[in-house]
């Protein structure tokens, strides 16, 4: 299965997937920088308002954190994702 099957690399993913993908490579980014990057990198036809709304929603659920109006991935969220996938992999590998 290709790495981008679920849009993790942002190519076929949702706006949130594109945000996560970009912030995994470069951070912190302002909403304007994020919008410009998504439009340029993914050829997305998304408004600044749509990107800003997604960023605020993701911050509210602790996927992102912001400082000085710049966003980055929340390190606690990253740790929880890592733990989830490690446990899932261990269950699939069996005893």
Protein backbone atom coordinates (compact mmCIF):
# COMPACT_ATOMS: atom_id res chain seq x y z
CA UNK A 1 0.00 0.00 0.00
CA UNK A 2 1.48 3.38 -0.93
CA UNK A 3 2.55 5.70 1.84
CA UNK A 4 0.07 8.35 0.72
CA UNK A 5 -2.94 6.00 0.67
CA UNK A 6 -4.77 7.97 3.35
CA UNK A 7 -3.45 11.33 2.27
CA UNK A 8 -0.80 11.47 4.97
CA UNK A 9 1.52 13.19 2.53
CA UNK A 10 -1.21 15.71 1.76
CA UNK A 11 -1.63 14.89 -1.94
CA UNK A 12 -5.08 13.36 -1.73
CA UNK A 13 -5.86 14.18 1.83
CA UNK A 14 -8.09 16.62 3.50
CA UNK A 15 -7.14 20.14 4.42
CA UNK A 16 -6.19 18.84 7.86
CA UNK A 17 -3.96 16.20 6.28
CA UNK A 18 -2.25 18.83 4.19
CA UNK A 19 -1.69 20.99 7.27
CA UNK A 20 -0.18 18.09 9.20
CA UNK A 21 2.00 17.16 6.26
CA UNK A 22 3.36 20.69 5.84
CA UNK A 23 3.95 21.18 9.56
CA UNK A 24 5.85 17.89 9.70
CA UNK A 25 8.40 19.43 7.33
CA UNK A 26 8.56 23.08 8.42
CA UNK A 27 7.33 24.93 11.49
CA UNK A 28 6.12 27.19 12.90
CA UNK A 29 4.00 28.74 10.17
CA UNK A 30 1.43 31.54 10.25
CA UNK A 31 -2.01 31.01 8.77
CA UNK A 32 -0.97 33.10 5.75
CA UNK A 33 2.22 31.07 5.25
CA UNK A 34 0.20 27.86 5.58
CA UNK A 35 -2.35 29.03 3.02
CA UNK A 36 0.33 30.06 0.53
CA UNK A 37 2.17 26.75 0.98
CA UNK A 38 -0.96 24.61 0.54
CA UNK A 39 -2.03 26.48 -2.58
CA UNK A 40 1.46 26.28 -4.06
CA UNK A 41 2.40 22.73 -3.06
CA UNK A 42 -0.94 20.95 -3.53
CA UNK A 43 -2.52 23.20 -6.15
CA UNK A 44 -5.46 23.44 -3.78
CA UNK A 45 -8.23 25.92 -4.37
CA UNK A 46 -8.81 26.75 -0.73
CA UNK A 47 -9.49 30.17 0.69
CA UNK A 48 -7.42 31.70 3.43
CA UNK A 49 -10.54 31.57 5.62
CA UNK A 50 -10.88 27.81 5.12
CA UNK A 51 -7.26 27.24 6.14
CA UNK A 52 -7.56 29.55 9.12
CA UNK A 53 -10.74 27.80 10.27
CA UNK A 54 -9.06 24.38 10.02
CA UNK A 55 -6.02 25.65 11.96
CA UNK A 56 -8.22 27.01 14.76
CA UNK A 57 -10.24 23.79 14.94
CA UNK A 58 -7.06 21.72 15.09
CA UNK A 59 -5.67 23.92 17.84
CA UNK A 60 -8.91 23.57 19.80
CA UNK A 61 -8.60 19.76 19.79
CA UNK A 62 -4.88 19.95 20.65
CA UNK A 63 -3.49 18.68 17.36
CA UNK A 64 -1.76 22.03 16.90
CA UNK A 65 -0.39 24.66 19.22
CA UNK A 66 0.35 28.26 18.46
CA UNK A 67 2.68 30.93 19.71
CA UNK A 68 2.90 34.46 18.36
CA UNK A 69 0.24 33.59 15.74
CA UNK A 70 2.36 30.76 14.31
CA UNK A 71 1.28 27.14 14.36
CA UNK A 72 3.12 23.88 14.88
CA UNK A 73 2.17 20.31 15.69
CA UNK A 74 1.43 19.69 19.35
CA UNK A 75 4.23 17.49 20.71
CA UNK A 76 1.87 15.72 23.11
CA UNK A 77 -0.42 14.85 20.19
CA UNK A 78 2.58 13.52 18.26
CA UNK A 79 3.57 11.34 21.22
CA UNK A 80 0.03 9.95 21.52
CA UNK A 81 0.00 9.10 17.79
CA UNK A 82 3.34 7.35 18.07
CA UNK A 83 2.16 5.30 21.07
CA UNK A 84 -1.07 4.36 19.30
CA UNK A 85 0.73 3.09 16.20
CA UNK A 86 3.39 1.26 18.21
CA UNK A 87 0.69 -0.56 20.22
CA UNK A 88 -1.28 -1.34 17.09
CA UNK A 89 1.80 -2.69 15.35
CA UNK A 90 2.62 -4.85 18.38
CA UNK A 91 -0.92 -6.31 18.39
CA UNK A 92 -0.70 -7.08 14.67
CA UNK A 93 2.70 -8.74 15.10
CA UNK A 94 1.18 -10.99 17.73
CA UNK A 95 2.71 -12.70 20.75
